[in-house]
Amino acid sequence: MSDLAQQPNQPLTPGKRQSALYWTGIFATMLLGMVFKVIYDLLTRGQNPNFKSDWLLELVIPVIISPLVFGGIYNMIAVMPKNPTVFIFAFQNGFFWKTIFADINTVQTPE
């Protein structure tokens, strides 16, 4: 568990501040992956997208889903050493969030 969650009433020390920046950076990287996925989908649709309206509307759902995606990322990254690959992992999870949720919907329960 992170240092921030253990003692919420304590002031931020330099170590806790770095931890907060680290996790904020990971969350922002995941959101960036979601934004790139929306842009990618708009460009590969085969029609002329209206970026002024289409991409904002398509970004609402990923932003709403982002805490759920981040929960999975947090659980995996919390046990990994801090290195640049965790940001790649966060970006990939943001970019492929639709694929992950589509796979969850296709899992069938035994009768």
N, C-alpha and C. Protein backbone atom coordinates (compact mmCIF):
# COMPACT_ATOMS: atom_id res chain seq x y z
N MET A 1 0.85 -1.17 0.00
CA MET A 1 0.00 0.00 0.00
C MET A 1 0.89 1.23 0.00
N SER A 2 0.44 2.29 -0.59
CA SER A 2 1.28 3.48 -0.70
C SER A 2 1.36 4.21 0.63
N ASP A 3 2.39 5.03 0.77
CA ASP A 3 2.59 5.81 1.99
C ASP A 3 1.46 6.81 2.20
N LEU A 4 0.86 7.28 1.11
CA LEU A 4 -0.19 8.29 1.22
C LEU A 4 -1.44 7.72 1.87
N ALA A 5 -1.75 6.46 1.60
CA ALA A 5 -2.96 5.85 2.12
C ALA A 5 -2.81 5.46 3.59
N GLN A 6 -1.61 5.30 4.08
CA GLN A 6 -1.41 4.83 5.45
C GLN A 6 -1.68 5.91 6.48
N GLN A 7 -1.29 7.15 6.24
CA GLN A 7 -1.45 8.22 7.21
C GLN A 7 -2.00 9.46 6.51
N PRO A 8 -3.33 9.54 6.32
CA PRO A 8 -3.89 10.65 5.55
C PRO A 8 -3.80 12.01 6.24
N ASN A 9 -3.66 12.06 7.58
CA ASN A 9 -3.66 13.34 8.28
C ASN A 9 -2.26 13.93 8.46
N GLN A 10 -1.24 13.24 8.03
CA GLN A 10 0.12 13.71 8.18
C GLN A 10 0.48 14.64 7.02
N PRO A 11 1.33 15.65 7.29
CA PRO A 11 1.75 16.53 6.18
C PRO A 11 2.62 15.76 5.19
N LEU A 12 2.63 16.24 3.96
CA LEU A 12 3.42 15.58 2.92
C LEU A 12 4.91 15.84 3.14
N THR A 13 5.64 14.78 3.32
CA THR A 13 7.09 14.87 3.40
C THR A 13 7.63 14.76 1.98
N PRO A 14 8.91 15.06 1.75
CA PRO A 14 9.44 14.94 0.38
C PRO A 14 9.22 13.56 -0.23
N GLY A 15 9.34 12.50 0.55
CA GLY A 15 9.11 11.15 0.02
C GLY A 15 7.66 10.92 -0.38
N LYS A 16 6.74 11.40 0.45
CA LYS A 16 5.32 11.26 0.13
C LYS A 16 4.94 12.13 -1.06
N ARG A 17 5.55 13.31 -1.15
CA ARG A 17 5.28 14.20 -2.28
C ARG A 17 5.74 13.54 -3.59
N GLN A 18 6.90 12.91 -3.56
CA GLN A 18 7.39 12.20 -4.74
C GLN A 18 6.46 11.05 -5.09
N SER A 19 5.96 10.36 -4.09
CA SER A 19 5.03 9.26 -4.33
C SER A 19 3.73 9.77 -4.96
N ALA A 20 3.24 10.91 -4.46
CA ALA A 20 2.02 11.49 -5.02
C ALA A 20 2.24 11.91 -6.47
N LEU A 21 3.39 12.50 -6.76
CA LEU A 21 3.70 12.89 -8.13
C LEU A 21 3.85 11.67 -9.03
N TYR A 22 4.43 10.62 -8.52
CA TYR A 22 4.61 9.37 -9.27
C TYR A 22 3.26 8.81 -9.69
N TRP A 23 2.33 8.68 -8.74
CA TRP A 23 1.01 8.10 -9.05
C TRP A 23 0.17 9.04 -9.90
N THR A 24 0.31 10.34 -9.70
CA THR A 24 -0.39 11.30 -10.55
C THR A 24 0.13 11.20 -11.98
N GLY A 25 1.43 11.04 -12.13
CA GLY A 25 2.02 10.87 -13.46
C GLY A 25 1.54 9.60 -14.14
N ILE A 26 1.40 8.53 -13.37
CA ILE A 26 0.90 7.27 -13.94
C ILE A 26 -0.56 7.44 -14.38
N PHE A 27 -1.37 8.09 -13.54
CA PHE A 27 -2.78 8.32 -13.90
C PHE A 27 -2.88 9.19 -15.15
N ALA A 28 -2.07 10.25 -15.21
CA ALA A 28 -2.08 11.14 -16.38
C ALA A 28 -1.64 10.40 -17.64
N THR A 29 -0.67 9.51 -17.51
CA THR A 29 -0.21 8.72 -18.66
C THR A 29 -1.30 7.79 -19.14
N MET A 30 -2.04 7.19 -18.20
CA MET A 30 -3.16 6.32 -18.57
C MET A 30 -4.23 7.13 -19.30
N LEU A 31 -4.55 8.33 -18.79
CA LEU A 31 -5.53 9.19 -19.47
C LEU A 31 -5.05 9.60 -20.86
N LEU A 32 -3.76 9.85 -21.00
CA LEU A 32 -3.20 10.18 -22.30
C LEU A 32 -3.40 9.02 -23.28
N GLY A 33 -3.23 7.79 -22.81
CA GLY A 33 -3.50 6.62 -23.64
C GLY A 33 -4.95 6.57 -24.08
N MET A 34 -5.87 6.93 -23.19
CA MET A 34 -7.29 6.95 -23.53
C MET A 34 -7.58 8.02 -24.58
N VAL A 35 -6.96 9.18 -24.45
CA VAL A 35 -7.15 10.26 -25.43
C VAL A 35 -6.62 9.82 -26.79
N PHE A 36 -5.44 9.20 -26.81
CA PHE A 36 -4.89 8.73 -28.09
C PHE A 36 -5.77 7.67 -28.72
N LYS A 37 -6.41 6.82 -27.91
CA LYS A 37 -7.32 5.81 -28.45
C LYS A 37 -8.53 6.47 -29.11
N VAL A 38 -9.07 7.50 -28.49
CA VAL A 38 -10.21 8.22 -29.07
C VAL A 38 -9.80 8.84 -30.41
N ILE A 39 -8.64 9.48 -30.44
CA ILE A 39 -8.15 10.08 -31.68
C ILE A 39 -7.91 9.01 -32.75
N TYR A 40 -7.31 7.90 -32.36
CA TYR A 40 -7.05 6.80 -33.29
C TYR A 40 -8.37 6.28 -33.87
N ASP A 41 -9.36 6.06 -33.02
CA ASP A 41 -10.66 5.57 -33.50
C ASP A 41 -11.31 6.55 -34.46
N LEU A 42 -11.23 7.83 -34.16
CA LEU A 42 -11.82 8.83 -35.05
C LEU A 42 -11.12 8.86 -36.41
N LEU A 43 -9.81 8.72 -36.41
CA LEU A 43 -9.06 8.77 -37.67
C LEU A 43 -9.21 7.51 -38.52
N THR A 44 -9.48 6.38 -37.89
CA THR A 44 -9.57 5.11 -38.64
C THR A 44 -11.00 4.70 -38.96
N ARG A 45 -11.97 5.53 -38.69
CA ARG A 45 -13.36 5.21 -38.97
C ARG A 45 -13.69 5.18 -40.45
N GLY A 46 -12.92 5.86 -41.25
CA GLY A 46 -13.19 5.89 -42.68
C GLY A 46 -14.09 7.03 -43.10
N GLN A 47 -14.47 7.87 -42.18
CA GLN A 47 -15.25 9.05 -42.54
C GLN A 47 -14.53 10.28 -42.01
N ASN A 48 -14.95 11.41 -42.45
CA ASN A 48 -14.31 12.65 -42.04
C ASN A 48 -14.81 13.05 -40.65
N PRO A 49 -13.98 12.91 -39.61
CA PRO A 49 -14.47 13.24 -38.27
C PRO A 49 -14.51 14.75 -38.03
N ASN A 50 -15.47 15.15 -37.24
CA ASN A 50 -15.55 16.53 -36.79
C ASN A 50 -14.91 16.58 -35.41
N PHE A 51 -13.62 16.91 -35.36
CA PHE A 51 -12.87 16.84 -34.11
C PHE A 51 -13.41 17.79 -33.05
N LYS A 52 -14.04 18.88 -33.46
CA LYS A 52 -14.52 19.85 -32.47
C LYS A 52 -15.61 19.26 -31.59
N SER A 53 -16.44 18.38 -32.14
CA SER A 53 -17.53 17.83 -31.33
C SER A 53 -17.35 16.34 -31.05
N ASP A 54 -16.90 15.57 -32.03
CA ASP A 54 -16.83 14.12 -31.88
C ASP A 54 -15.88 13.66 -30.78
N TRP A 55 -14.68 14.21 -30.76
CA TRP A 55 -13.70 13.66 -29.83
C TRP A 55 -14.02 13.99 -28.39
N LEU A 56 -14.65 15.13 -28.14
CA LEU A 56 -15.04 15.45 -26.76
C LEU A 56 -16.14 14.51 -26.27
N LEU A 57 -17.11 14.24 -27.14
CA LEU A 57 -18.18 13.31 -26.76
C LEU A 57 -17.65 11.90 -26.53
N GLU A 58 -16.71 11.48 -27.35
CA GLU A 58 -16.16 10.13 -27.23
C GLU A 58 -15.20 10.00 -26.05
N LEU A 59 -14.76 11.10 -25.51
CA LEU A 59 -13.82 11.07 -24.40
C LEU A 59 -14.52 10.99 -23.05
N VAL A 60 -15.81 11.25 -23.01
CA VAL A 60 -16.55 11.25 -21.75
C VAL A 60 -16.53 9.86 -21.09
N ILE A 61 -16.81 8.82 -21.84
CA ILE A 61 -16.86 7.47 -21.27
C ILE A 61 -15.50 7.03 -20.74
N PRO A 62 -14.40 7.20 -21.49
CA PRO A 62 -13.10 6.83 -20.92
C PRO A 62 -12.77 7.57 -19.62
N VAL A 63 -13.15 8.83 -19.54
CA VAL A 63 -12.87 9.59 -18.31
C VAL A 63 -13.68 9.02 -17.15
N ILE A 64 -14.91 8.64 -17.42
CA ILE A 64 -15.75 8.04 -16.37
C ILE A 64 -15.19 6.68 -15.93
N ILE A 65 -14.70 5.90 -16.89
CA ILE A 65 -14.17 4.56 -16.62
C ILE A 65 -12.77 4.61 -16.02
N SER A 66 -12.06 5.72 -16.15
CA SER A 66 -10.65 5.79 -15.77
C SER A 66 -10.34 5.35 -14.34
N PRO A 67 -11.16 5.64 -13.33
CA PRO A 67 -10.82 5.14 -12.00
C PRO A 67 -10.82 3.61 -11.91
N LEU A 68 -11.71 2.96 -12.67
CA LEU A 68 -11.72 1.50 -12.67
C LEU A 68 -10.47 0.93 -13.32
N VAL A 69 -10.08 1.51 -14.44
CA VAL A 69 -8.87 1.07 -15.12
C VAL A 69 -7.65 1.33 -14.24
N PHE A 70 -7.63 2.50 -13.59
CA PHE A 70 -6.49 2.84 -12.74
C PHE A 70 -6.38 1.90 -11.54
N GLY A 71 -7.51 1.43 -11.04
CA GLY A 71 -7.47 0.48 -9.93
C GLY A 71 -6.69 -0.77 -10.28
N GLY A 72 -6.91 -1.28 -11.48
CA GLY A 72 -6.16 -2.45 -11.93
C GLY A 72 -4.69 -2.14 -12.14
N ILE A 73 -4.43 -0.97 -12.69
CA ILE A 73 -3.04 -0.55 -12.91
C ILE A 73 -2.34 -0.39 -11.57
N TYR A 74 -3.00 0.23 -10.62
CA TYR A 74 -2.41 0.46 -9.30
C TYR A 74 -2.02 -0.86 -8.64
N ASN A 75 -2.92 -1.83 -8.68
CA ASN A 75 -2.63 -3.12 -8.05
C ASN A 75 -1.42 -3.80 -8.67
N MET A 76 -1.22 -3.65 -9.97
CA MET A 76 -0.08 -4.30 -10.63
C MET A 76 1.21 -3.51 -10.43
N ILE A 77 1.12 -2.18 -10.54
CA ILE A 77 2.33 -1.36 -10.48
C ILE A 77 2.84 -1.19 -9.05
N ALA A 78 1.96 -1.28 -8.07
CA ALA A 78 2.37 -1.06 -6.67
C ALA A 78 3.46 -2.04 -6.24
N VAL A 79 3.51 -3.22 -6.84
CA VAL A 79 4.51 -4.21 -6.46
C VAL A 79 5.71 -4.22 -7.40
N MET A 80 5.67 -3.39 -8.43
CA MET A 80 6.78 -3.33 -9.40
C MET A 80 7.79 -2.27 -8.97
N PRO A 81 9.04 -2.43 -9.36
CA PRO A 81 10.02 -1.37 -9.07
C PRO A 81 9.69 -0.13 -9.90
N LYS A 82 10.04 1.04 -9.36
CA LYS A 82 9.77 2.29 -10.06
C LYS A 82 10.79 2.46 -11.19
N ASN A 83 10.30 2.33 -12.42
CA ASN A 83 11.14 2.56 -13.60
C ASN A 83 10.24 3.01 -14.74
N PRO A 84 10.82 3.48 -15.83
CA PRO A 84 10.00 4.03 -16.93
C PRO A 84 9.00 3.05 -17.56
N THR A 85 9.22 1.76 -17.42
CA THR A 85 8.31 0.81 -18.05
C THR A 85 6.91 0.86 -17.45
N VAL A 86 6.77 1.31 -16.20
CA VAL A 86 5.44 1.40 -15.61
C VAL A 86 4.59 2.44 -16.34
N PHE A 87 5.23 3.47 -16.89
CA PHE A 87 4.48 4.48 -17.63
C PHE A 87 4.02 3.93 -18.99
N ILE A 88 4.83 3.09 -19.59
CA ILE A 88 4.42 2.42 -20.83
C ILE A 88 3.24 1.51 -20.55
N PHE A 89 3.31 0.78 -19.45
CA PHE A 89 2.22 -0.10 -19.03
C PHE A 89 0.93 0.69 -18.80
N ALA A 90 1.04 1.85 -18.14
CA ALA A 90 -0.13 2.69 -17.89
C ALA A 90 -0.73 3.22 -19.19
N PHE A 91 0.14 3.65 -20.12
CA PHE A 91 -0.33 4.15 -21.41
C PHE A 91 -1.06 3.03 -22.17
N GLN A 92 -0.49 1.84 -22.19
CA GLN A 92 -1.11 0.71 -22.89
C GLN A 92 -2.47 0.38 -22.30
N ASN A 93 -2.58 0.37 -20.99
CA ASN A 93 -3.87 0.09 -20.36
C ASN A 93 -4.89 1.17 -20.69
N GLY A 94 -4.45 2.41 -20.77
CA GLY A 94 -5.36 3.48 -21.17
C GLY A 94 -5.80 3.33 -22.62
N PHE A 95 -4.85 3.01 -23.50
CA PHE A 95 -5.16 2.88 -24.92
C PHE A 95 -6.09 1.70 -25.18
N PHE A 96 -5.89 0.59 -24.49
CA PHE A 96 -6.66 -0.62 -24.75
C PHE A 96 -7.81 -0.84 -23.76
N TRP A 97 -8.29 0.22 -23.13
CA TRP A 97 -9.35 0.04 -22.14
C TRP A 97 -10.61 -0.56 -22.75
N LYS A 98 -10.94 -0.19 -24.00
CA LYS A 98 -12.14 -0.74 -24.64
C LYS A 98 -12.01 -2.24 -24.86
N THR A 99 -10.84 -2.68 -25.26
CA THR A 99 -10.59 -4.09 -25.50
C THR A 99 -10.75 -4.88 -24.21
N ILE A 100 -10.22 -4.35 -23.13
CA ILE A 100 -10.31 -5.04 -21.84
C ILE A 100 -11.76 -5.17 -21.41
N PHE A 101 -12.55 -4.09 -21.52
CA PHE A 101 -13.95 -4.16 -21.11
C PHE A 101 -14.78 -4.99 -22.08
N ALA A 102 -14.43 -5.03 -23.35
CA ALA A 102 -15.14 -5.89 -24.30
C ALA A 102 -14.91 -7.35 -23.96
N ASP A 103 -13.68 -7.69 -23.55
CA ASP A 103 -13.39 -9.07 -23.16
C ASP A 103 -14.17 -9.46 -21.91
N ILE A 104 -14.37 -8.54 -20.99
CA ILE A 104 -15.14 -8.84 -19.78
C ILE A 104 -16.59 -9.14 -20.15
N ASN A 105 -17.15 -8.41 -21.11
CA ASN A 105 -18.54 -8.63 -21.52
C ASN A 105 -18.74 -9.95 -22.25
N THR A 106 -17.70 -10.48 -22.88
CA THR A 106 -17.86 -11.73 -23.64
C THR A 106 -17.62 -12.97 -22.81
N VAL A 107 -17.13 -12.81 -21.58
CA VAL A 107 -16.93 -13.98 -20.71
C VAL A 107 -18.30 -14.49 -20.30
N GLN A 108 -18.51 -15.78 -20.54
CA GLN A 108 -19.80 -16.35 -20.23
C GLN A 108 -19.72 -17.16 -18.96
N THR A 109 -20.75 -17.05 -18.16
CA THR A 109 -20.80 -17.82 -16.92
C THR A 109 -21.37 -19.20 -17.21
N PRO A 110 -20.86 -20.23 -16.52
CA PRO A 110 -21.39 -21.58 -16.74
C PRO A 110 -22.83 -21.69 -16.24
N GLU A 111 -23.59 -22.49 -16.95
CA GLU A 111 -25.02 -22.64 -16.57
C GLU A 111 -25.21 -23.76 -15.59
